[in-house]
N, C-alpha and C. Protein backbone atom coordinates (compact mmCIF):
# COMPACT_ATOMS: atom_id res chain seq x y z
N MET A 1 -32.29 63.10 -88.21
CA MET A 1 -33.28 62.84 -87.18
C MET A 1 -34.35 63.88 -87.41
N HIS A 2 -35.59 63.46 -87.42
CA HIS A 2 -36.80 64.41 -87.49
C HIS A 2 -36.71 65.52 -86.37
N LEU A 3 -37.15 66.51 -86.68
CA LEU A 3 -37.16 67.63 -85.67
C LEU A 3 -38.19 67.37 -84.67
N ARG A 4 -39.31 66.62 -84.99
CA ARG A 4 -40.33 66.31 -84.08
C ARG A 4 -39.84 65.25 -83.14
N THR A 5 -39.07 64.24 -83.66
CA THR A 5 -38.34 63.31 -82.69
C THR A 5 -37.39 63.83 -81.81
N LEU A 6 -36.64 64.73 -82.30
CA LEU A 6 -35.58 65.52 -81.45
C LEU A 6 -36.31 66.28 -80.30
N ALA A 7 -37.31 66.90 -80.68
CA ALA A 7 -38.02 67.77 -79.72
C ALA A 7 -38.55 66.80 -78.53
N ALA A 8 -39.16 65.61 -79.13
CA ALA A 8 -39.81 64.69 -78.05
C ALA A 8 -38.68 64.13 -77.12
N MET A 9 -37.54 63.95 -77.70
CA MET A 9 -36.39 63.28 -76.84
C MET A 9 -36.01 64.49 -75.77
N THR A 10 -35.92 65.62 -76.32
CA THR A 10 -35.50 66.71 -75.42
C THR A 10 -36.58 66.80 -74.30
N ALA A 11 -37.74 66.86 -74.62
CA ALA A 11 -38.87 67.07 -73.55
C ALA A 11 -38.79 65.80 -72.63
N ALA A 12 -38.44 64.77 -73.12
CA ALA A 12 -38.55 63.62 -72.08
C ALA A 12 -37.33 63.71 -71.14
N VAL A 13 -36.25 64.23 -71.69
CA VAL A 13 -35.04 64.27 -70.76
C VAL A 13 -35.28 65.47 -69.80
N LEU A 14 -36.01 66.56 -70.27
CA LEU A 14 -36.16 67.66 -69.40
C LEU A 14 -37.12 67.21 -68.22
N LEU A 15 -38.29 66.40 -68.68
CA LEU A 15 -39.25 66.01 -67.64
C LEU A 15 -38.59 64.92 -66.70
N ALA A 16 -37.70 64.16 -67.13
CA ALA A 16 -37.07 63.24 -66.38
C ALA A 16 -36.28 63.83 -65.27
N PHE A 17 -35.59 65.00 -65.58
CA PHE A 17 -34.75 65.65 -64.61
C PHE A 17 -35.73 66.38 -63.59
N ALA A 18 -36.90 66.94 -64.08
CA ALA A 18 -37.84 67.63 -63.30
C ALA A 18 -38.46 66.72 -62.20
N CYS A 19 -38.77 65.48 -62.61
CA CYS A 19 -39.34 64.51 -61.67
C CYS A 19 -38.45 63.96 -60.81
N ALA A 20 -37.19 64.11 -60.94
CA ALA A 20 -36.21 63.34 -60.18
C ALA A 20 -35.63 64.24 -59.09
N SER A 21 -36.50 65.32 -58.68
CA SER A 21 -35.90 66.24 -57.80
C SER A 21 -35.73 65.66 -56.35
N PRO A 22 -34.70 66.01 -55.55
CA PRO A 22 -34.65 65.46 -54.26
C PRO A 22 -35.65 65.65 -53.30
N GLY A 23 -36.11 64.80 -52.27
CA GLY A 23 -37.05 64.91 -51.37
C GLY A 23 -37.45 63.55 -50.89
N PRO A 24 -38.16 63.54 -49.72
CA PRO A 24 -38.49 62.29 -49.21
C PRO A 24 -39.37 61.49 -50.22
N GLU A 25 -39.18 60.18 -50.12
CA GLU A 25 -39.99 59.19 -50.94
C GLU A 25 -41.43 59.32 -50.48
N PRO A 26 -42.47 59.60 -51.38
CA PRO A 26 -43.76 59.53 -51.09
C PRO A 26 -44.32 58.01 -50.88
N VAL A 27 -45.06 57.99 -49.90
CA VAL A 27 -45.55 56.50 -49.76
C VAL A 27 -46.89 56.41 -50.39
N PRO A 28 -46.90 55.44 -51.38
CA PRO A 28 -48.25 55.27 -52.03
C PRO A 28 -49.28 54.99 -50.99
N PRO A 29 -50.58 55.49 -51.22
CA PRO A 29 -51.72 55.26 -50.45
C PRO A 29 -52.12 53.89 -50.45
N THR A 30 -52.73 53.27 -49.37
CA THR A 30 -53.18 52.04 -49.30
C THR A 30 -54.71 52.03 -49.70
N ASN A 31 -55.36 53.25 -49.56
CA ASN A 31 -56.80 53.39 -49.87
C ASN A 31 -56.92 54.42 -50.91
N TYR A 32 -57.30 54.15 -52.12
CA TYR A 32 -57.36 54.98 -53.19
C TYR A 32 -58.77 55.59 -53.34
N THR A 33 -59.78 55.33 -52.45
CA THR A 33 -60.99 55.81 -52.52
C THR A 33 -61.24 56.80 -51.38
N ALA A 34 -61.66 58.14 -51.74
CA ALA A 34 -61.93 59.09 -50.71
C ALA A 34 -63.32 59.66 -50.78
N GLN A 35 -63.68 60.39 -49.91
CA GLN A 35 -65.12 61.03 -49.81
C GLN A 35 -64.69 62.44 -50.32
N VAL A 36 -65.77 63.16 -50.80
CA VAL A 36 -65.62 64.57 -51.05
C VAL A 36 -65.13 65.38 -49.90
N GLY A 37 -64.02 66.16 -49.98
CA GLY A 37 -63.59 66.83 -48.94
C GLY A 37 -62.19 66.21 -48.50
N GLU A 38 -61.83 64.99 -48.81
CA GLU A 38 -60.67 64.34 -48.53
C GLU A 38 -59.62 64.37 -49.69
N LYS A 39 -58.41 64.08 -49.47
CA LYS A 39 -57.29 64.17 -50.33
C LYS A 39 -56.94 62.74 -50.65
N VAL A 40 -56.53 62.61 -51.96
CA VAL A 40 -55.83 61.28 -52.35
C VAL A 40 -54.45 61.54 -52.74
N SER A 41 -53.50 60.93 -52.19
CA SER A 41 -52.01 61.10 -52.57
C SER A 41 -51.77 60.25 -53.82
N ILE A 42 -51.33 60.96 -54.95
CA ILE A 42 -51.24 60.37 -56.13
C ILE A 42 -49.60 60.15 -56.34
N VAL A 43 -49.26 58.83 -56.69
CA VAL A 43 -47.83 58.66 -56.82
C VAL A 43 -47.66 58.26 -58.42
N GLU A 44 -46.98 58.78 -59.29
CA GLU A 44 -46.73 58.34 -60.52
C GLU A 44 -45.31 57.97 -60.70
N ASN A 45 -45.13 56.75 -61.26
CA ASN A 45 -43.64 56.23 -61.48
C ASN A 45 -43.50 55.83 -62.82
N SER A 46 -43.09 56.77 -63.69
CA SER A 46 -42.90 56.52 -65.09
C SER A 46 -41.47 56.13 -65.43
N PRO A 47 -41.20 55.10 -66.24
CA PRO A 47 -39.86 54.76 -66.51
C PRO A 47 -38.99 56.01 -67.21
N VAL A 48 -39.72 56.73 -67.79
CA VAL A 48 -39.18 57.93 -68.54
C VAL A 48 -39.02 59.18 -67.58
N PHE A 49 -40.04 59.40 -66.80
CA PHE A 49 -40.26 60.70 -66.17
C PHE A 49 -39.76 60.54 -64.62
N GLY A 50 -39.70 59.24 -64.04
CA GLY A 50 -39.27 59.12 -62.74
C GLY A 50 -40.47 59.12 -61.74
N LEU A 51 -40.07 59.56 -60.48
CA LEU A 51 -41.25 59.40 -59.35
C LEU A 51 -41.70 60.77 -59.29
N CYS A 52 -42.98 61.02 -59.37
CA CYS A 52 -43.67 62.22 -59.21
C CYS A 52 -44.88 62.08 -58.24
N ALA A 53 -45.19 63.07 -57.34
CA ALA A 53 -46.27 62.90 -56.45
C ALA A 53 -47.00 64.10 -56.28
N ALA A 54 -48.45 64.03 -55.93
CA ALA A 54 -49.27 65.01 -55.65
C ALA A 54 -50.32 64.63 -54.55
N ASP A 55 -50.85 65.76 -53.97
CA ASP A 55 -52.11 65.40 -53.06
C ASP A 55 -53.26 65.96 -53.91
N VAL A 56 -54.29 65.23 -54.18
CA VAL A 56 -55.42 65.84 -54.97
C VAL A 56 -56.66 65.79 -53.97
N ALA A 57 -57.42 66.75 -53.90
CA ALA A 57 -58.64 66.76 -53.07
C ALA A 57 -59.78 67.30 -53.91
N VAL A 58 -60.90 66.60 -53.66
CA VAL A 58 -62.19 67.19 -54.34
C VAL A 58 -62.74 68.00 -53.19
N ASN A 59 -62.82 69.25 -53.23
CA ASN A 59 -63.26 70.07 -52.07
C ASN A 59 -64.88 70.09 -51.97
N ARG A 60 -65.46 70.20 -53.15
CA ARG A 60 -67.00 70.13 -53.10
C ARG A 60 -67.42 69.84 -54.45
N VAL A 61 -68.68 69.46 -54.64
CA VAL A 61 -69.30 69.23 -55.89
C VAL A 61 -70.55 69.99 -56.01
N THR A 62 -70.75 70.73 -57.09
CA THR A 62 -71.97 71.38 -57.30
C THR A 62 -72.67 71.00 -58.53
N VAL A 63 -73.99 71.05 -58.57
CA VAL A 63 -74.85 70.78 -59.83
C VAL A 63 -75.48 72.19 -60.10
N THR A 64 -75.21 72.35 -61.45
CA THR A 64 -75.87 73.63 -61.94
C THR A 64 -76.56 73.39 -63.26
N SER A 65 -77.59 74.34 -63.56
CA SER A 65 -78.22 74.28 -64.83
C SER A 65 -77.58 75.03 -66.00
N GLY A 66 -76.56 75.75 -65.54
CA GLY A 66 -75.71 76.64 -66.43
C GLY A 66 -75.93 77.95 -66.15
N ASN A 67 -75.59 78.84 -67.05
CA ASN A 67 -75.72 80.32 -67.02
C ASN A 67 -75.90 80.92 -68.46
N GLU A 68 -75.82 82.18 -68.37
CA GLU A 68 -76.04 82.83 -69.79
C GLU A 68 -74.97 82.53 -70.73
N PHE A 69 -73.78 81.97 -70.36
CA PHE A 69 -72.69 81.55 -71.18
C PHE A 69 -72.56 80.15 -71.62
N ASP A 70 -72.96 79.31 -70.55
CA ASP A 70 -72.66 77.97 -70.75
C ASP A 70 -74.12 77.22 -70.43
N HIS A 71 -74.53 76.32 -71.39
CA HIS A 71 -75.71 75.62 -71.23
C HIS A 71 -75.35 74.02 -71.55
N PRO A 72 -75.87 73.14 -70.71
CA PRO A 72 -75.64 71.84 -70.78
C PRO A 72 -76.23 71.23 -71.94
N VAL A 73 -75.60 70.32 -72.72
CA VAL A 73 -76.25 69.59 -73.91
C VAL A 73 -77.17 68.56 -73.28
N TYR A 74 -76.87 68.03 -72.16
CA TYR A 74 -77.68 66.93 -71.58
C TYR A 74 -78.68 67.80 -70.62
N ALA A 75 -78.70 67.45 -69.27
CA ALA A 75 -79.59 68.11 -68.37
C ALA A 75 -79.08 69.11 -67.42
N GLN A 76 -77.68 68.88 -67.01
CA GLN A 76 -77.06 69.70 -65.90
C GLN A 76 -75.42 69.56 -66.11
N PHE A 77 -74.90 70.57 -65.42
CA PHE A 77 -73.56 70.36 -65.27
C PHE A 77 -73.11 69.93 -63.85
N VAL A 78 -72.21 69.00 -63.59
CA VAL A 78 -71.72 68.62 -62.35
C VAL A 78 -70.28 69.28 -62.35
N VAL A 79 -70.10 70.09 -61.42
CA VAL A 79 -68.88 70.90 -61.27
C VAL A 79 -68.25 70.43 -59.97
N ALA A 80 -66.92 69.86 -60.12
CA ALA A 80 -65.96 69.53 -58.96
C ALA A 80 -64.92 70.59 -58.93
N ASP A 81 -64.94 71.07 -57.49
CA ASP A 81 -63.86 71.97 -57.21
C ASP A 81 -62.69 71.11 -56.69
N ILE A 82 -61.39 71.20 -57.34
CA ILE A 82 -60.34 70.41 -57.02
C ILE A 82 -59.13 71.25 -56.73
N THR A 83 -58.29 70.65 -55.67
CA THR A 83 -57.02 71.29 -55.30
C THR A 83 -55.99 70.18 -55.56
N VAL A 84 -55.00 70.64 -56.22
CA VAL A 84 -53.76 69.81 -56.46
C VAL A 84 -52.57 70.36 -55.84
N THR A 85 -51.88 69.64 -54.94
CA THR A 85 -50.75 70.19 -54.29
C THR A 85 -49.52 69.31 -54.76
N GLY A 86 -48.53 69.88 -55.20
CA GLY A 86 -47.13 69.02 -55.49
C GLY A 86 -46.50 68.57 -54.50
N VAL A 87 -46.11 67.35 -54.39
CA VAL A 87 -45.32 66.82 -53.31
C VAL A 87 -43.88 66.35 -53.72
N ARG A 88 -43.85 66.04 -54.88
CA ARG A 88 -42.50 65.62 -55.48
C ARG A 88 -42.36 65.66 -56.92
N GLY A 89 -41.22 66.27 -57.38
CA GLY A 89 -41.10 66.31 -58.97
C GLY A 89 -42.13 67.33 -59.47
N THR A 90 -42.38 67.12 -60.69
CA THR A 90 -43.29 67.98 -61.40
C THR A 90 -44.35 67.11 -61.94
N VAL A 91 -45.62 67.58 -61.42
CA VAL A 91 -46.95 66.78 -61.84
C VAL A 91 -47.70 67.55 -62.91
N ASP A 92 -48.34 66.78 -63.72
CA ASP A 92 -49.38 67.33 -64.77
C ASP A 92 -50.85 66.73 -64.44
N ILE A 93 -51.62 67.60 -63.83
CA ILE A 93 -53.01 67.06 -63.62
C ILE A 93 -53.84 68.00 -64.21
N VAL A 94 -54.75 67.62 -65.17
CA VAL A 94 -55.62 68.46 -65.85
C VAL A 94 -57.15 67.95 -65.85
N ALA A 95 -58.02 68.90 -66.18
CA ALA A 95 -59.40 68.36 -66.11
C ALA A 95 -59.56 67.05 -66.93
N GLY A 96 -59.00 67.13 -68.08
CA GLY A 96 -59.17 65.88 -69.03
C GLY A 96 -58.91 64.63 -68.48
N LEU A 97 -58.17 64.53 -67.29
CA LEU A 97 -57.83 63.20 -66.68
C LEU A 97 -59.00 62.65 -65.83
N PHE A 98 -60.07 63.53 -65.61
CA PHE A 98 -61.06 62.99 -64.72
C PHE A 98 -62.36 62.54 -65.56
N THR A 99 -62.94 61.55 -65.05
CA THR A 99 -64.26 61.12 -65.45
C THR A 99 -65.21 61.06 -64.42
N LEU A 100 -66.42 61.08 -64.74
CA LEU A 100 -67.58 60.94 -63.70
C LEU A 100 -68.36 59.62 -64.07
N VAL A 101 -68.29 58.69 -63.31
CA VAL A 101 -68.93 57.32 -63.44
C VAL A 101 -70.22 57.31 -62.69
N ALA A 102 -71.30 57.36 -63.39
CA ALA A 102 -72.70 57.23 -62.74
C ALA A 102 -72.89 55.96 -61.91
N ALA A 103 -74.02 55.88 -61.18
CA ALA A 103 -74.30 54.68 -60.39
C ALA A 103 -74.58 53.54 -61.52
N ASP A 104 -75.18 53.95 -62.71
CA ASP A 104 -75.65 52.99 -63.62
C ASP A 104 -74.46 52.55 -64.67
N GLY A 105 -73.27 53.11 -64.27
CA GLY A 105 -72.14 52.77 -65.30
C GLY A 105 -71.84 53.66 -66.39
N THR A 106 -72.64 54.71 -66.57
CA THR A 106 -72.44 55.68 -67.56
C THR A 106 -71.21 56.52 -67.31
N VAL A 107 -70.32 56.61 -68.28
CA VAL A 107 -69.18 57.45 -68.02
C VAL A 107 -69.28 58.81 -68.74
N TYR A 108 -69.03 59.85 -67.97
CA TYR A 108 -68.99 61.09 -68.58
C TYR A 108 -67.66 61.80 -68.52
N GLN A 109 -67.22 62.20 -69.68
CA GLN A 109 -65.96 62.91 -69.92
C GLN A 109 -66.16 64.40 -69.46
N SER A 110 -64.90 64.99 -69.09
CA SER A 110 -65.03 66.38 -68.42
C SER A 110 -65.27 67.31 -69.77
N SER A 111 -66.11 68.34 -69.60
CA SER A 111 -66.58 69.24 -70.54
C SER A 111 -65.84 70.50 -70.27
N THR A 112 -65.59 71.34 -71.51
CA THR A 112 -64.93 72.52 -71.31
C THR A 112 -66.07 73.78 -71.37
N THR A 113 -66.01 74.45 -70.38
CA THR A 113 -66.99 75.65 -70.30
C THR A 113 -66.19 76.88 -70.05
N VAL A 114 -66.67 78.02 -70.28
CA VAL A 114 -66.10 79.33 -70.16
C VAL A 114 -66.29 79.95 -68.77
N SER A 115 -67.12 79.43 -67.92
CA SER A 115 -67.55 80.02 -66.65
C SER A 115 -67.12 79.43 -65.31
N TYR A 116 -66.33 78.23 -65.45
CA TYR A 116 -66.11 77.55 -64.23
C TYR A 116 -64.65 77.34 -63.88
N GLY A 117 -63.66 78.03 -64.38
CA GLY A 117 -62.16 78.06 -64.08
C GLY A 117 -61.55 76.72 -64.10
N GLU A 118 -61.53 76.09 -65.39
CA GLU A 118 -61.02 74.63 -65.55
C GLU A 118 -59.59 74.43 -64.86
N LEU A 119 -59.54 73.31 -64.16
CA LEU A 119 -58.28 72.88 -63.62
C LEU A 119 -57.33 72.57 -64.62
N ASN A 120 -56.09 73.32 -64.30
CA ASN A 120 -54.91 73.12 -65.23
C ASN A 120 -53.52 73.23 -64.30
N ALA A 121 -53.40 72.04 -63.73
CA ALA A 121 -52.14 71.94 -62.85
C ALA A 121 -51.03 71.31 -63.52
N GLN A 122 -50.70 71.76 -64.79
CA GLN A 122 -49.52 71.26 -65.51
C GLN A 122 -48.36 72.05 -65.00
N GLY A 123 -47.33 71.20 -64.77
CA GLY A 123 -45.97 71.78 -64.26
C GLY A 123 -46.08 72.15 -62.87
N THR A 124 -46.99 71.58 -62.12
CA THR A 124 -47.04 71.87 -60.61
C THR A 124 -45.93 71.14 -60.13
N THR A 125 -45.06 72.01 -59.24
CA THR A 125 -43.91 71.51 -58.49
C THR A 125 -44.21 71.24 -57.01
N ALA A 126 -43.15 70.48 -56.39
CA ALA A 126 -43.36 70.33 -55.01
C ALA A 126 -43.53 71.57 -54.20
N GLY A 127 -44.68 71.69 -53.34
CA GLY A 127 -45.02 72.85 -52.57
C GLY A 127 -46.00 73.75 -53.24
N GLN A 128 -46.13 73.54 -54.51
CA GLN A 128 -47.05 74.51 -55.30
C GLN A 128 -48.47 73.73 -54.95
N THR A 129 -49.43 74.92 -55.11
CA THR A 129 -51.01 74.41 -54.98
C THR A 129 -51.66 75.04 -56.15
N VAL A 130 -52.51 74.34 -56.78
CA VAL A 130 -53.34 74.84 -57.90
C VAL A 130 -54.80 74.41 -57.54
N ILE A 131 -55.67 75.36 -57.84
CA ILE A 131 -57.16 75.12 -57.50
C ILE A 131 -57.89 75.40 -58.79
N GLY A 132 -58.85 74.51 -59.30
CA GLY A 132 -59.62 74.65 -60.20
C GLY A 132 -60.84 73.83 -60.25
N THR A 133 -61.57 73.86 -61.38
CA THR A 133 -62.74 72.98 -61.44
C THR A 133 -62.66 71.86 -62.59
N VAL A 134 -63.36 70.92 -62.52
CA VAL A 134 -63.64 69.95 -63.47
C VAL A 134 -65.24 69.78 -63.73
N THR A 135 -65.65 70.11 -64.98
CA THR A 135 -67.09 70.14 -65.21
C THR A 135 -67.42 68.99 -66.15
N PHE A 136 -68.66 68.50 -65.76
CA PHE A 136 -69.15 67.30 -66.51
C PHE A 136 -70.61 67.76 -66.97
N ASP A 137 -70.85 67.43 -68.25
CA ASP A 137 -72.30 67.61 -68.82
C ASP A 137 -73.03 66.40 -68.72
N THR A 138 -73.95 66.16 -67.74
CA THR A 138 -74.50 64.86 -67.40
C THR A 138 -76.04 64.66 -67.58
N ASP A 139 -76.69 63.79 -67.48
CA ASP A 139 -78.03 63.42 -67.44
C ASP A 139 -78.38 63.98 -66.15
N ALA A 140 -79.64 64.25 -65.79
CA ALA A 140 -80.25 64.56 -64.46
C ALA A 140 -80.00 63.56 -63.49
N GLY A 141 -79.53 63.99 -62.32
CA GLY A 141 -79.38 63.04 -61.28
C GLY A 141 -78.11 62.09 -61.37
N ALA A 142 -77.31 62.30 -62.41
CA ALA A 142 -76.08 61.40 -62.60
C ALA A 142 -75.15 61.49 -61.47
N GLU A 143 -75.14 62.64 -60.82
CA GLU A 143 -74.24 62.68 -59.53
C GLU A 143 -74.62 61.75 -58.40
N ARG A 144 -75.94 61.27 -58.25
CA ARG A 144 -76.32 60.47 -57.22
C ARG A 144 -75.69 59.06 -57.44
N GLY A 145 -74.89 58.69 -56.40
CA GLY A 145 -74.24 57.41 -56.41
C GLY A 145 -73.04 57.24 -57.35
N ALA A 146 -72.53 58.45 -57.81
CA ALA A 146 -71.54 58.46 -58.91
C ALA A 146 -70.04 58.33 -58.20
N GLN A 147 -69.04 58.20 -58.91
CA GLN A 147 -67.67 58.24 -58.43
C GLN A 147 -66.95 59.24 -59.36
N LEU A 148 -66.03 59.96 -58.90
CA LEU A 148 -65.22 60.94 -59.71
C LEU A 148 -63.92 60.12 -59.82
N VAL A 149 -63.38 59.90 -60.96
CA VAL A 149 -62.16 59.11 -61.12
C VAL A 149 -61.12 60.01 -61.84
N LEU A 150 -59.94 59.91 -61.17
CA LEU A 150 -58.80 60.52 -61.68
C LEU A 150 -58.03 59.41 -62.33
N HIS A 151 -57.61 59.64 -63.69
CA HIS A 151 -56.97 58.60 -64.45
C HIS A 151 -55.45 58.99 -64.43
N SER A 152 -54.71 57.84 -64.46
CA SER A 152 -53.23 58.04 -64.24
C SER A 152 -52.63 58.52 -65.66
N LEU A 153 -51.60 59.27 -65.72
CA LEU A 153 -51.02 59.54 -66.95
C LEU A 153 -50.15 58.44 -67.44
N TYR A 154 -49.60 57.52 -66.53
CA TYR A 154 -48.62 56.54 -66.97
C TYR A 154 -49.01 55.10 -66.88
N ALA A 155 -50.12 55.02 -66.12
CA ALA A 155 -50.54 53.53 -65.91
C ALA A 155 -51.93 53.35 -66.49
N ASP A 156 -52.35 52.09 -66.65
CA ASP A 156 -53.58 51.77 -67.05
C ASP A 156 -54.59 51.59 -65.98
N VAL A 157 -54.52 51.98 -64.85
CA VAL A 157 -55.37 52.01 -63.88
C VAL A 157 -55.73 53.41 -63.42
N PRO A 158 -56.84 53.61 -62.75
CA PRO A 158 -57.08 54.97 -62.17
C PRO A 158 -56.09 55.38 -60.97
N ALA A 159 -55.72 56.61 -60.85
CA ALA A 159 -54.92 56.95 -59.81
C ALA A 159 -55.76 57.24 -58.50
N GLY A 160 -57.05 57.54 -58.62
CA GLY A 160 -57.78 57.89 -57.44
C GLY A 160 -59.24 58.02 -57.65
N TYR A 161 -60.09 57.91 -56.59
CA TYR A 161 -61.55 57.90 -56.69
C TYR A 161 -62.06 58.71 -55.56
N TRP A 162 -63.23 59.31 -55.84
CA TRP A 162 -63.91 60.04 -54.81
C TRP A 162 -65.44 59.56 -54.85
N ASN A 163 -66.07 59.17 -53.82
CA ASN A 163 -67.47 58.88 -53.83
C ASN A 163 -68.28 60.05 -53.77
N LEU A 164 -69.32 60.31 -54.57
CA LEU A 164 -70.20 61.41 -54.52
C LEU A 164 -71.58 60.93 -53.71
N VAL A 165 -72.46 61.82 -53.58
CA VAL A 165 -73.80 61.51 -53.04
C VAL A 165 -74.34 60.18 -53.44
N GLY A 166 -74.98 59.51 -52.44
CA GLY A 166 -75.61 58.23 -52.72
C GLY A 166 -74.74 57.04 -52.24
N ARG A 167 -73.46 57.04 -52.45
CA ARG A 167 -72.60 56.03 -51.89
C ARG A 167 -72.34 56.23 -50.47
N ASP A 168 -72.50 57.50 -50.00
CA ASP A 168 -72.36 57.64 -48.44
C ASP A 168 -73.41 58.80 -48.30
N PRO A 169 -74.68 58.56 -47.67
CA PRO A 169 -75.57 59.64 -47.62
C PRO A 169 -75.29 60.72 -46.86
N GLY A 170 -74.16 60.72 -45.92
CA GLY A 170 -73.83 61.72 -45.14
C GLY A 170 -73.11 63.01 -46.00
N ILE A 171 -72.72 62.74 -47.14
CA ILE A 171 -71.93 63.73 -48.09
C ILE A 171 -72.96 64.56 -48.73
N PRO A 172 -72.94 65.97 -48.42
CA PRO A 172 -73.87 66.93 -48.99
C PRO A 172 -73.44 67.10 -50.35
N ILE A 173 -74.39 67.60 -51.23
CA ILE A 173 -73.98 67.98 -52.50
C ILE A 173 -74.79 69.37 -52.74
N THR A 174 -74.24 70.30 -53.31
CA THR A 174 -74.83 71.61 -53.44
C THR A 174 -75.53 71.68 -54.71
N MET A 175 -76.74 72.16 -54.78
CA MET A 175 -77.56 72.20 -56.01
C MET A 175 -77.66 73.80 -56.28
N VAL A 176 -77.20 74.22 -57.54
CA VAL A 176 -76.94 75.58 -57.79
C VAL A 176 -77.92 75.72 -59.12
N VAL A 177 -79.00 76.57 -58.83
CA VAL A 177 -80.01 76.92 -59.87
C VAL A 177 -79.59 78.29 -60.35
N ALA A 178 -79.52 78.35 -61.61
CA ALA A 178 -79.01 79.72 -62.31
C ALA A 178 -80.21 80.57 -62.88
N PRO A 179 -80.85 81.46 -61.96
CA PRO A 179 -81.84 82.40 -62.50
C PRO A 179 -81.03 83.47 -63.27
N ALA A 180 -81.78 84.24 -63.85
CA ALA A 180 -81.19 85.28 -64.87
C ALA A 180 -80.23 86.28 -64.13
N THR A 181 -80.34 86.36 -62.78
CA THR A 181 -79.63 87.35 -62.14
C THR A 181 -78.36 86.71 -61.33
N GLY A 182 -78.21 85.47 -61.51
CA GLY A 182 -77.13 84.79 -60.78
C GLY A 182 -77.24 83.46 -60.21
N PHE A 183 -76.46 82.99 -59.35
CA PHE A 183 -76.54 81.61 -58.76
C PHE A 183 -77.19 81.68 -57.44
N GLU A 184 -78.12 80.72 -57.12
CA GLU A 184 -78.70 80.58 -55.78
C GLU A 184 -78.28 79.21 -55.37
N PRO A 185 -77.30 79.08 -54.50
CA PRO A 185 -76.91 77.74 -53.99
C PRO A 185 -77.93 77.22 -52.88
N ALA A 186 -78.22 75.92 -52.89
CA ALA A 186 -79.00 75.30 -51.83
C ALA A 186 -78.59 73.89 -51.61
N THR A 187 -78.34 73.43 -50.28
CA THR A 187 -77.76 72.11 -50.13
C THR A 187 -78.89 71.16 -49.91
N PHE A 188 -78.77 69.99 -50.54
CA PHE A 188 -79.90 69.00 -50.13
C PHE A 188 -79.24 67.67 -49.67
């Protein structure tokens, strides 16, 4: 047997035991769309890894022109502050599972930057909380009317959505302008 195949089988068995930890059965949410500031309960049920669950919240969304270390290729960075709390088993939620879908349908993949503390909630177990950011390099104004989408690790459908400004005019977004001396936040 190939060493690579053996390693993959061993990892699958270990993950199956990790996700099958005892605890109350999480109830799948009936509404998968939330507003910024609200949590979405994510339930993953993989035939290999078992039942795993987490609460995911988009705490706030900021728009920045970058800083001395990071400069957007397009016009701006849209930065989402995310909190992941393990509910059952072991979950893996990372920045790469998120996309930003603009109102015109343009899909932006997450970008890696050195300045914004990228979300890495790999191996988060029940009761643990991880906070990080997901950054998108977007065209100007792409956050208006956009949705932040969390894609499932195991299913072909998204696991959760958050509406950004424009879908609900009451949701504020913070605009961060990066002068040479630092950041100046302003809400609009």
